[in-house]
Amino acid sequence: MTKKLLPLILLLPVLFLITGCPNPDEEGTVPNVTNLTIVADSEGDGIVITWTEVSDVDGYDLYTPDGDTFELNYDETSFNDNTPGQTGTYTVVTVSGSNYSSGVDKSSRPVVSSSNATIYVWNSADPSGFGWNVSTGIGEVYNCVSGNSSVIDFFLNDETRPFDFTTASDAPYSGSKTTHIADR
């Protein structure tokens, strides 16, 4: 009987060593980043990804929709993708030694919603300019007064016959922004 129990008794410490040391991934002890955001960069041709720093970790792995992976230090809590090849999901994974968090995803794909807006031909008193908030991606109609110059992307021009949309940089006031519409 003791010959049969001895292998079982010897097997118990081995089983404890295997199952008694949990993998942090399974236990969720490597925390995910929080407050992950994606906004357009100041030039409007790239994106900026930011998150809140996680304490006591080695760094972060950032995965792009292009298939690239960037290894960032623990104190790097932002990433500029100046040449995003495509829209899609960015994932930030927290790294601690050889353990990884489950990761947090954020999409750079624009949210499409529609509503009707009336844009008048150029007249500073009427809503004849249109602009997008680069943080939210929401478009809005504006009066073309110089106080709105920084938010107007284009206006409806009737001087060229037929009507056309003109970039705000050609507006008759200074301080306006330049907008390009992709030809794809």
N, C-alpha and C. Protein backbone atom coordinates (compact mmCIF):
# COMPACT_ATOMS: atom_id res chain seq x y z
N MET A 1 0.81 -1.18 0.00
CA MET A 1 0.00 0.00 0.00
C MET A 1 0.86 1.25 0.00
N THR A 2 1.96 1.26 0.80
CA THR A 2 2.84 2.43 0.83
C THR A 2 3.55 2.63 -0.49
N LYS A 3 3.77 1.54 -1.25
CA LYS A 3 4.39 1.68 -2.57
C LYS A 3 3.47 2.43 -3.52
N LYS A 4 2.17 2.28 -3.36
CA LYS A 4 1.22 2.98 -4.23
C LYS A 4 1.03 4.43 -3.77
N LEU A 5 1.11 4.71 -2.49
CA LEU A 5 0.92 6.06 -1.98
C LEU A 5 2.15 6.94 -2.18
N LEU A 6 3.33 6.36 -2.17
CA LEU A 6 4.56 7.13 -2.31
C LEU A 6 4.59 7.94 -3.60
N PRO A 7 4.27 7.36 -4.77
CA PRO A 7 4.27 8.18 -5.99
C PRO A 7 3.24 9.31 -5.91
N LEU A 8 2.08 9.05 -5.30
CA LEU A 8 1.07 10.10 -5.17
C LEU A 8 1.55 11.21 -4.26
N ILE A 9 2.20 10.85 -3.17
CA ILE A 9 2.71 11.86 -2.24
C ILE A 9 3.80 12.70 -2.91
N LEU A 10 4.65 12.07 -3.70
CA LEU A 10 5.70 12.80 -4.41
C LEU A 10 5.12 13.67 -5.52
N LEU A 11 4.02 13.27 -6.08
CA LEU A 11 3.39 14.02 -7.17
C LEU A 11 2.70 15.29 -6.66
N LEU A 12 2.23 15.29 -5.43
CA LEU A 12 1.52 16.45 -4.88
C LEU A 12 2.36 17.73 -4.89
N PRO A 13 3.62 17.73 -4.43
CA PRO A 13 4.40 18.98 -4.49
C PRO A 13 4.61 19.48 -5.92
N VAL A 14 4.78 18.55 -6.86
CA VAL A 14 4.96 18.94 -8.26
C VAL A 14 3.68 19.61 -8.77
N LEU A 15 2.53 19.03 -8.47
CA LEU A 15 1.26 19.62 -8.88
C LEU A 15 1.07 21.00 -8.24
N PHE A 16 1.47 21.14 -6.98
CA PHE A 16 1.33 22.43 -6.32
C PHE A 16 2.21 23.47 -7.00
N LEU A 17 3.43 23.10 -7.36
CA LEU A 17 4.32 24.05 -8.03
C LEU A 17 3.77 24.48 -9.38
N ILE A 18 3.15 23.56 -10.08
CA ILE A 18 2.61 23.88 -11.40
C ILE A 18 1.36 24.74 -11.28
N THR A 19 0.45 24.37 -10.40
CA THR A 19 -0.82 25.09 -10.30
C THR A 19 -0.82 26.15 -9.22
N GLY A 20 0.11 26.11 -8.29
CA GLY A 20 0.12 27.04 -7.17
C GLY A 20 0.71 28.39 -7.51
N CYS A 21 1.38 28.54 -8.64
CA CYS A 21 1.95 29.81 -9.05
C CYS A 21 1.16 30.33 -10.24
N PRO A 22 0.16 31.14 -9.99
CA PRO A 22 -0.71 31.57 -11.08
C PRO A 22 0.00 32.50 -12.06
N ASN A 23 -0.38 32.41 -13.31
CA ASN A 23 0.09 33.31 -14.36
C ASN A 23 -0.65 34.62 -14.20
N PRO A 24 0.06 35.77 -14.12
CA PRO A 24 -0.64 37.04 -13.95
C PRO A 24 -1.68 37.32 -15.03
N ASP A 25 -1.47 36.81 -16.22
CA ASP A 25 -2.46 37.02 -17.28
C ASP A 25 -3.79 36.39 -16.89
N GLU A 26 -3.74 35.16 -16.37
CA GLU A 26 -4.96 34.46 -16.00
C GLU A 26 -5.63 35.11 -14.80
N GLU A 27 -4.82 35.66 -13.90
CA GLU A 27 -5.36 36.26 -12.69
C GLU A 27 -5.71 37.73 -12.90
N GLY A 28 -5.28 38.32 -14.03
CA GLY A 28 -5.58 39.71 -14.31
C GLY A 28 -4.79 40.69 -13.46
N THR A 29 -3.58 40.30 -13.03
CA THR A 29 -2.80 41.18 -12.17
C THR A 29 -2.01 42.23 -12.93
N VAL A 30 -1.88 42.11 -14.24
CA VAL A 30 -1.26 43.17 -15.03
C VAL A 30 -2.41 44.07 -15.50
N PRO A 31 -2.51 45.26 -14.93
CA PRO A 31 -3.66 46.11 -15.24
C PRO A 31 -3.60 46.70 -16.64
N ASN A 32 -4.75 46.92 -17.21
CA ASN A 32 -4.85 47.59 -18.50
C ASN A 32 -4.70 49.09 -18.33
N VAL A 33 -4.36 49.78 -19.41
CA VAL A 33 -4.35 51.23 -19.41
C VAL A 33 -5.80 51.72 -19.28
N THR A 34 -5.96 52.95 -18.85
CA THR A 34 -7.28 53.58 -18.78
C THR A 34 -7.24 54.89 -19.57
N ASN A 35 -8.41 55.41 -19.85
CA ASN A 35 -8.57 56.69 -20.54
C ASN A 35 -7.86 56.72 -21.89
N LEU A 36 -7.97 55.64 -22.64
CA LEU A 36 -7.36 55.57 -23.98
C LEU A 36 -8.16 56.44 -24.93
N THR A 37 -7.47 57.39 -25.59
CA THR A 37 -8.14 58.29 -26.53
C THR A 37 -7.35 58.38 -27.82
N ILE A 38 -8.05 58.66 -28.90
CA ILE A 38 -7.44 58.92 -30.20
C ILE A 38 -8.02 60.23 -30.71
N VAL A 39 -7.13 61.16 -31.09
CA VAL A 39 -7.55 62.43 -31.69
C VAL A 39 -6.66 62.71 -32.89
N ALA A 40 -7.14 63.58 -33.76
CA ALA A 40 -6.33 64.01 -34.90
C ALA A 40 -5.19 64.87 -34.38
N ASP A 41 -4.03 64.79 -35.06
CA ASP A 41 -2.93 65.66 -34.66
C ASP A 41 -3.20 67.09 -35.12
N SER A 42 -2.35 68.02 -34.74
CA SER A 42 -2.62 69.43 -35.01
C SER A 42 -2.61 69.76 -36.49
N GLU A 43 -1.91 68.97 -37.31
CA GLU A 43 -1.91 69.20 -38.75
C GLU A 43 -3.08 68.52 -39.45
N GLY A 44 -3.73 67.60 -38.77
CA GLY A 44 -4.87 66.91 -39.35
C GLY A 44 -4.51 65.76 -40.27
N ASP A 45 -3.21 65.38 -40.34
CA ASP A 45 -2.82 64.29 -41.24
C ASP A 45 -2.31 63.07 -40.49
N GLY A 46 -2.46 63.04 -39.20
CA GLY A 46 -2.04 61.91 -38.39
C GLY A 46 -2.93 61.84 -37.16
N ILE A 47 -2.59 60.93 -36.25
CA ILE A 47 -3.38 60.81 -35.03
C ILE A 47 -2.47 60.76 -33.82
N VAL A 48 -3.02 61.11 -32.67
CA VAL A 48 -2.32 61.05 -31.40
C VAL A 48 -3.13 60.14 -30.48
N ILE A 49 -2.45 59.14 -29.93
CA ILE A 49 -3.08 58.19 -29.01
C ILE A 49 -2.52 58.48 -27.62
N THR A 50 -3.38 58.63 -26.62
CA THR A 50 -2.93 58.89 -25.26
C THR A 50 -3.66 57.97 -24.28
N TRP A 51 -3.05 57.77 -23.12
CA TRP A 51 -3.66 56.98 -22.06
C TRP A 51 -3.06 57.40 -20.73
N THR A 52 -3.67 56.93 -19.65
CA THR A 52 -3.19 57.22 -18.31
C THR A 52 -2.11 56.21 -17.94
N GLU A 53 -1.01 56.71 -17.37
CA GLU A 53 0.11 55.85 -16.99
C GLU A 53 -0.32 54.80 -15.96
N VAL A 54 0.18 53.59 -16.14
CA VAL A 54 -0.05 52.50 -15.19
C VAL A 54 1.20 52.36 -14.35
N SER A 55 1.06 52.37 -13.03
CA SER A 55 2.24 52.29 -12.16
C SER A 55 2.76 50.86 -12.05
N ASP A 56 4.03 50.75 -11.77
CA ASP A 56 4.71 49.47 -11.53
C ASP A 56 4.64 48.51 -12.71
N VAL A 57 4.79 49.04 -13.92
CA VAL A 57 4.89 48.18 -15.11
C VAL A 57 6.16 48.57 -15.87
N ASP A 58 6.57 47.71 -16.79
CA ASP A 58 7.78 47.96 -17.56
C ASP A 58 7.53 48.83 -18.79
N GLY A 59 6.34 48.77 -19.32
CA GLY A 59 6.05 49.55 -20.51
C GLY A 59 4.75 49.12 -21.16
N TYR A 60 4.66 49.46 -22.45
CA TYR A 60 3.44 49.21 -23.21
C TYR A 60 3.80 48.72 -24.60
N ASP A 61 3.01 47.82 -25.13
CA ASP A 61 3.10 47.44 -26.54
C ASP A 61 1.90 48.06 -27.24
N LEU A 62 2.16 48.78 -28.33
CA LEU A 62 1.09 49.41 -29.09
C LEU A 62 1.02 48.76 -30.45
N TYR A 63 -0.14 48.24 -30.80
CA TYR A 63 -0.37 47.57 -32.08
C TYR A 63 -1.22 48.48 -32.96
N THR A 64 -0.78 48.70 -34.20
CA THR A 64 -1.50 49.59 -35.12
C THR A 64 -2.32 48.79 -36.12
N PRO A 65 -3.28 49.45 -36.79
CA PRO A 65 -4.06 48.76 -37.82
C PRO A 65 -3.21 48.31 -39.00
N ASP A 66 -2.03 48.93 -39.17
CA ASP A 66 -1.13 48.56 -40.26
C ASP A 66 -0.38 47.26 -39.97
N GLY A 67 -0.48 46.76 -38.73
CA GLY A 67 0.24 45.55 -38.36
C GLY A 67 1.57 45.83 -37.68
N ASP A 68 1.89 47.10 -37.43
CA ASP A 68 3.13 47.46 -36.74
C ASP A 68 2.95 47.32 -35.24
N THR A 69 4.06 47.02 -34.55
CA THR A 69 4.08 46.96 -33.10
C THR A 69 5.16 47.90 -32.60
N PHE A 70 4.82 48.72 -31.62
CA PHE A 70 5.78 49.65 -31.02
C PHE A 70 5.89 49.34 -29.54
N GLU A 71 7.14 49.17 -29.07
CA GLU A 71 7.39 48.92 -27.65
C GLU A 71 7.74 50.25 -27.00
N LEU A 72 6.95 50.66 -26.03
CA LEU A 72 7.11 51.96 -25.39
C LEU A 72 7.49 51.78 -23.93
N ASN A 73 8.26 52.72 -23.39
CA ASN A 73 8.66 52.69 -21.99
C ASN A 73 7.48 52.99 -21.07
N TYR A 74 7.65 52.69 -19.78
CA TYR A 74 6.57 52.86 -18.81
C TYR A 74 6.10 54.31 -18.69
N ASP A 75 7.01 55.28 -18.96
CA ASP A 75 6.64 56.68 -18.80
C ASP A 75 6.15 57.32 -20.10
N GLU A 76 6.05 56.55 -21.17
CA GLU A 76 5.51 57.05 -22.43
C GLU A 76 4.01 56.75 -22.46
N THR A 77 3.21 57.80 -22.43
CA THR A 77 1.76 57.62 -22.38
C THR A 77 1.08 58.26 -23.58
N SER A 78 1.84 58.43 -24.65
CA SER A 78 1.24 58.92 -25.89
C SER A 78 2.05 58.41 -27.07
N PHE A 79 1.41 58.38 -28.21
CA PHE A 79 2.06 57.91 -29.44
C PHE A 79 1.49 58.69 -30.60
N ASN A 80 2.37 59.24 -31.43
CA ASN A 80 1.95 59.95 -32.64
C ASN A 80 2.12 59.04 -33.84
N ASP A 81 1.04 58.75 -34.51
CA ASP A 81 1.10 57.99 -35.76
C ASP A 81 0.97 59.01 -36.89
N ASN A 82 2.13 59.49 -37.37
CA ASN A 82 2.15 60.55 -38.37
C ASN A 82 1.83 60.06 -39.77
N THR A 83 1.91 58.76 -39.98
CA THR A 83 1.62 58.21 -41.31
C THR A 83 0.70 57.00 -41.19
N PRO A 84 -0.50 57.21 -40.65
CA PRO A 84 -1.39 56.05 -40.55
C PRO A 84 -1.78 55.56 -41.94
N GLY A 85 -1.48 54.31 -42.23
CA GLY A 85 -1.77 53.75 -43.54
C GLY A 85 -3.23 53.44 -43.73
N GLN A 86 -3.92 53.20 -42.65
CA GLN A 86 -5.34 52.87 -42.73
C GLN A 86 -5.99 53.13 -41.39
N THR A 87 -7.29 53.30 -41.42
CA THR A 87 -8.02 53.41 -40.16
C THR A 87 -8.26 52.01 -39.62
N GLY A 88 -8.53 51.92 -38.36
CA GLY A 88 -8.79 50.62 -37.76
C GLY A 88 -8.55 50.67 -36.27
N THR A 89 -8.28 49.52 -35.70
CA THR A 89 -8.17 49.40 -34.26
C THR A 89 -6.72 49.47 -33.80
N TYR A 90 -6.47 50.34 -32.86
CA TYR A 90 -5.18 50.41 -32.16
C TYR A 90 -5.38 49.69 -30.83
N THR A 91 -4.37 48.93 -30.40
CA THR A 91 -4.45 48.21 -29.13
C THR A 91 -3.23 48.56 -28.29
N VAL A 92 -3.46 48.90 -27.02
CA VAL A 92 -2.37 49.17 -26.09
C VAL A 92 -2.40 48.08 -25.03
N VAL A 93 -1.27 47.37 -24.89
CA VAL A 93 -1.13 46.28 -23.94
C VAL A 93 -0.08 46.69 -22.90
N THR A 94 -0.38 46.51 -21.63
CA THR A 94 0.56 46.80 -20.56
C THR A 94 1.49 45.61 -20.39
N VAL A 95 2.81 45.89 -20.23
CA VAL A 95 3.82 44.84 -20.11
C VAL A 95 4.47 44.92 -18.73
N SER A 96 4.54 43.78 -18.06
CA SER A 96 5.22 43.68 -16.77
C SER A 96 6.04 42.40 -16.78
N GLY A 97 7.35 42.53 -16.98
CA GLY A 97 8.21 41.36 -17.12
C GLY A 97 7.82 40.58 -18.35
N SER A 98 7.50 39.30 -18.17
CA SER A 98 7.07 38.48 -19.31
C SER A 98 5.55 38.34 -19.35
N ASN A 99 4.86 39.16 -18.58
CA ASN A 99 3.40 39.10 -18.51
C ASN A 99 2.78 40.31 -19.19
N TYR A 100 1.59 40.10 -19.73
CA TYR A 100 0.91 41.13 -20.50
C TYR A 100 -0.54 41.27 -20.03
N SER A 101 -1.06 42.49 -20.10
CA SER A 101 -2.48 42.69 -19.81
C SER A 101 -3.29 42.20 -21.01
N SER A 102 -4.58 42.19 -20.85
CA SER A 102 -5.44 41.74 -21.96
C SER A 102 -5.51 42.77 -23.07
N GLY A 103 -5.17 44.03 -22.78
CA GLY A 103 -5.14 45.07 -23.81
C GLY A 103 -6.43 45.85 -23.90
N VAL A 104 -6.30 47.08 -24.37
CA VAL A 104 -7.44 47.97 -24.57
C VAL A 104 -7.43 48.41 -26.02
N ASP A 105 -8.59 48.32 -26.67
CA ASP A 105 -8.73 48.68 -28.09
C ASP A 105 -9.41 50.03 -28.23
N LYS A 106 -9.01 50.75 -29.28
CA LYS A 106 -9.68 52.00 -29.65
C LYS A 106 -9.62 52.11 -31.16
N SER A 107 -10.75 52.42 -31.76
CA SER A 107 -10.82 52.50 -33.22
C SER A 107 -10.56 53.92 -33.70
N SER A 108 -9.85 54.03 -34.81
CA SER A 108 -9.63 55.33 -35.45
C SER A 108 -10.60 55.55 -36.59
N ARG A 109 -11.49 54.59 -36.79
CA ARG A 109 -12.49 54.75 -37.86
C ARG A 109 -13.47 55.84 -37.47
N PRO A 110 -13.77 56.72 -38.39
CA PRO A 110 -14.71 57.79 -38.05
C PRO A 110 -16.11 57.24 -37.82
N VAL A 111 -16.78 57.85 -36.88
CA VAL A 111 -18.18 57.52 -36.63
C VAL A 111 -19.00 58.34 -37.62
N VAL A 112 -19.80 57.67 -38.39
CA VAL A 112 -20.57 58.37 -39.41
C VAL A 112 -22.00 58.56 -38.93
N SER A 113 -22.39 59.79 -38.91
CA SER A 113 -23.78 60.11 -38.64
C SER A 113 -24.14 61.27 -39.56
N SER A 114 -25.37 61.42 -39.80
CA SER A 114 -25.74 62.49 -40.73
C SER A 114 -26.86 63.33 -40.16
N SER A 115 -26.86 64.55 -40.59
CA SER A 115 -27.95 65.46 -40.30
C SER A 115 -27.91 66.54 -41.37
N ASN A 116 -28.98 67.22 -41.53
CA ASN A 116 -29.04 68.26 -42.55
C ASN A 116 -28.58 69.59 -41.97
N ALA A 117 -27.85 70.35 -42.78
CA ALA A 117 -27.42 71.68 -42.38
C ALA A 117 -27.54 72.59 -43.59
N THR A 118 -27.98 73.78 -43.37
CA THR A 118 -28.08 74.76 -44.45
C THR A 118 -26.85 75.64 -44.42
N ILE A 119 -26.17 75.73 -45.55
CA ILE A 119 -25.00 76.60 -45.68
C ILE A 119 -25.35 77.66 -46.72
N TYR A 120 -25.22 78.91 -46.33
CA TYR A 120 -25.50 80.03 -47.23
C TYR A 120 -24.23 80.40 -47.99
N VAL A 121 -24.38 81.10 -49.11
CA VAL A 121 -23.20 81.62 -49.80
C VAL A 121 -22.54 82.65 -48.90
N TRP A 122 -21.28 82.95 -49.20
CA TRP A 122 -20.47 83.79 -48.32
C TRP A 122 -21.20 85.05 -47.87
N ASN A 123 -21.34 85.15 -46.56
CA ASN A 123 -21.90 86.33 -45.92
C ASN A 123 -21.54 86.17 -44.45
N SER A 124 -20.81 87.11 -43.92
CA SER A 124 -20.31 86.94 -42.56
C SER A 124 -21.42 86.82 -41.52
N ALA A 125 -22.59 87.36 -41.80
CA ALA A 125 -23.68 87.30 -40.82
C ALA A 125 -24.46 85.99 -40.87
N ASP A 126 -24.40 85.30 -42.01
CA ASP A 126 -25.15 84.06 -42.17
C ASP A 126 -24.25 82.85 -41.93
N PRO A 127 -24.83 81.71 -41.61
CA PRO A 127 -24.02 80.49 -41.43
C PRO A 127 -23.54 79.98 -42.79
N SER A 128 -22.45 80.55 -43.27
CA SER A 128 -21.95 80.18 -44.60
C SER A 128 -20.63 79.43 -44.54
N GLY A 129 -20.14 79.11 -43.36
CA GLY A 129 -18.92 78.32 -43.22
C GLY A 129 -19.21 77.00 -42.55
N PHE A 130 -18.34 76.02 -42.81
CA PHE A 130 -18.50 74.70 -42.21
C PHE A 130 -17.15 74.26 -41.67
N GLY A 131 -17.15 73.63 -40.50
CA GLY A 131 -15.90 73.15 -39.92
C GLY A 131 -16.11 71.93 -39.07
N TRP A 132 -15.01 71.18 -38.87
CA TRP A 132 -15.04 69.96 -38.05
C TRP A 132 -14.24 70.19 -36.79
N ASN A 133 -14.75 69.68 -35.70
CA ASN A 133 -14.00 69.63 -34.46
C ASN A 133 -13.08 68.42 -34.57
N VAL A 134 -11.75 68.64 -34.59
CA VAL A 134 -10.83 67.52 -34.82
C VAL A 134 -10.82 66.54 -33.66
N SER A 135 -11.24 66.94 -32.49
CA SER A 135 -11.28 66.02 -31.35
C SER A 135 -12.47 65.08 -31.41
N THR A 136 -13.62 65.60 -31.86
CA THR A 136 -14.83 64.78 -31.88
C THR A 136 -15.21 64.29 -33.26
N GLY A 137 -14.71 64.98 -34.31
CA GLY A 137 -15.08 64.62 -35.67
C GLY A 137 -16.44 65.12 -36.08
N ILE A 138 -17.05 65.94 -35.26
CA ILE A 138 -18.39 66.45 -35.54
C ILE A 138 -18.28 67.75 -36.32
N GLY A 139 -19.05 67.84 -37.40
CA GLY A 139 -19.07 69.04 -38.22
C GLY A 139 -20.18 69.98 -37.79
N GLU A 140 -19.95 71.27 -38.06
CA GLU A 140 -20.92 72.27 -37.65
C GLU A 140 -20.90 73.44 -38.62
N VAL A 141 -22.02 74.12 -38.74
CA VAL A 141 -22.13 75.32 -39.57
C VAL A 141 -21.83 76.53 -38.70
N TYR A 142 -21.04 77.49 -39.25
CA TYR A 142 -20.64 78.68 -38.51
C TYR A 142 -20.92 79.94 -39.31
N ASN A 143 -21.13 81.04 -38.60
CA ASN A 143 -21.12 82.35 -39.24
C ASN A 143 -19.68 82.66 -39.60
N CYS A 144 -19.44 83.27 -40.72
CA CYS A 144 -18.08 83.53 -41.18
C CYS A 144 -17.56 84.87 -40.65
N VAL A 145 -17.54 85.02 -39.36
CA VAL A 145 -16.94 86.19 -38.74
C VAL A 145 -15.52 85.82 -38.32
N SER A 146 -14.65 86.81 -38.19
CA SER A 146 -13.25 86.51 -37.90
C SER A 146 -13.07 85.74 -36.60
N GLY A 147 -13.98 85.88 -35.65
CA GLY A 147 -13.88 85.12 -34.40
C GLY A 147 -14.04 83.62 -34.58
N ASN A 148 -14.63 83.19 -35.68
CA ASN A 148 -14.80 81.76 -35.97
C ASN A 148 -13.75 81.23 -36.95
N SER A 149 -12.78 82.04 -37.30
CA SER A 149 -11.83 81.66 -38.35
C SER A 149 -11.06 80.38 -38.04
N SER A 150 -10.80 80.11 -36.78
CA SER A 150 -9.99 78.94 -36.44
C SER A 150 -10.78 77.63 -36.51
N VAL A 151 -12.10 77.70 -36.66
CA VAL A 151 -12.90 76.47 -36.68
C VAL A 151 -13.55 76.20 -38.03
N ILE A 152 -13.43 77.12 -38.98
CA ILE A 152 -14.06 76.96 -40.29
C ILE A 152 -13.09 76.28 -41.25
N ASP A 153 -13.54 75.20 -41.88
CA ASP A 153 -12.72 74.48 -42.84
C ASP A 153 -12.97 74.93 -44.27
N PHE A 154 -14.21 75.23 -44.61
CA PHE A 154 -14.51 75.73 -45.96
C PHE A 154 -15.79 76.55 -45.92
N PHE A 155 -16.00 77.31 -47.00
CA PHE A 155 -17.23 78.08 -47.13
C PHE A 155 -17.73 77.97 -48.56
N LEU A 156 -18.98 78.32 -48.75
CA LEU A 156 -19.60 78.26 -50.07
C LEU A 156 -19.35 79.60 -50.77
N ASN A 157 -18.68 79.53 -51.92
CA ASN A 157 -18.26 80.73 -52.65
C ASN A 157 -19.14 80.90 -53.88
N ASP A 158 -19.73 82.07 -54.04
CA ASP A 158 -20.57 82.31 -55.22
C ASP A 158 -19.90 83.24 -56.23
N GLU A 159 -18.65 83.62 -56.00
CA GLU A 159 -17.96 84.52 -56.92
C GLU A 159 -17.44 83.80 -58.15
N THR A 160 -17.34 82.52 -58.11
CA THR A 160 -16.73 81.77 -59.21
C THR A 160 -17.74 81.25 -60.21
N ARG A 161 -18.97 81.23 -59.90
CA ARG A 161 -20.05 80.73 -60.77
C ARG A 161 -19.61 79.51 -61.56
N PRO A 162 -20.08 78.36 -61.45
CA PRO A 162 -21.10 77.99 -60.47
C PRO A 162 -20.50 77.99 -59.07
N PHE A 163 -21.35 77.77 -58.09
CA PHE A 163 -20.91 77.78 -56.70
C PHE A 163 -19.86 76.70 -56.47
N ASP A 164 -18.95 76.97 -55.56
CA ASP A 164 -18.01 75.92 -55.16
C ASP A 164 -17.62 76.12 -53.70
N PHE A 165 -17.10 75.06 -53.13
CA PHE A 165 -16.59 75.14 -51.77
C PHE A 165 -15.16 75.64 -51.84
N THR A 166 -14.83 76.59 -51.00
CA THR A 166 -13.51 77.21 -50.98
C THR A 166 -12.89 76.98 -49.61
N THR A 167 -11.60 76.64 -49.60
CA THR A 167 -10.92 76.43 -48.33
C THR A 167 -10.94 77.72 -47.52
N ALA A 168 -11.03 77.59 -46.23
CA ALA A 168 -11.12 78.76 -45.36
C ALA A 168 -9.88 79.63 -45.42
N SER A 169 -8.75 79.08 -45.88
CA SER A 169 -7.54 79.90 -45.99
C SER A 169 -7.70 80.99 -47.05
N ASP A 170 -8.70 80.88 -47.92
CA ASP A 170 -8.97 81.91 -48.93
C ASP A 170 -10.05 82.89 -48.47
N ALA A 171 -10.42 82.82 -47.21
CA ALA A 171 -11.45 83.73 -46.68
C ALA A 171 -10.88 85.14 -46.58
N PRO A 172 -11.74 86.16 -46.56
CA PRO A 172 -11.26 87.54 -46.52
C PRO A 172 -10.82 88.02 -45.14
N TYR A 173 -10.50 87.12 -44.25
CA TYR A 173 -9.96 87.52 -42.95
C TYR A 173 -8.76 86.65 -42.66
N SER A 174 -7.93 87.05 -41.72
CA SER A 174 -6.71 86.29 -41.42
C SER A 174 -6.97 85.32 -40.27
N GLY A 175 -6.04 84.39 -40.10
CA GLY A 175 -6.12 83.44 -39.00
C GLY A 175 -6.94 82.21 -39.28
N SER A 176 -7.31 81.99 -40.52
CA SER A 176 -8.15 80.83 -40.84
C SER A 176 -7.29 79.60 -41.04
N LYS A 177 -7.93 78.46 -41.05
CA LYS A 177 -7.20 77.21 -41.21
C LYS A 177 -7.25 76.73 -42.65
N THR A 178 -6.28 75.92 -43.02
CA THR A 178 -6.22 75.35 -44.36
C THR A 178 -6.75 73.93 -44.30
N THR A 179 -7.63 73.60 -45.20
CA THR A 179 -8.24 72.27 -45.24
C THR A 179 -8.03 71.67 -46.62
N HIS A 180 -7.68 70.40 -46.63
CA HIS A 180 -7.53 69.67 -47.89
C HIS A 180 -8.52 68.52 -47.89
N ILE A 181 -9.13 68.29 -49.01
CA ILE A 181 -10.05 67.17 -49.15
C ILE A 181 -9.35 66.10 -49.97
N ALA A 182 -9.26 64.90 -49.42
CA ALA A 182 -8.55 63.82 -50.09
C ALA A 182 -9.25 63.44 -51.39
N ASP A 183 -8.45 63.15 -52.39
CA ASP A 183 -8.97 62.76 -53.70
C ASP A 183 -8.75 61.26 -53.86
N ARG A 184 -9.61 60.46 -53.24
CA ARG A 184 -9.45 59.00 -53.31
C ARG A 184 -10.71 58.37 -53.79
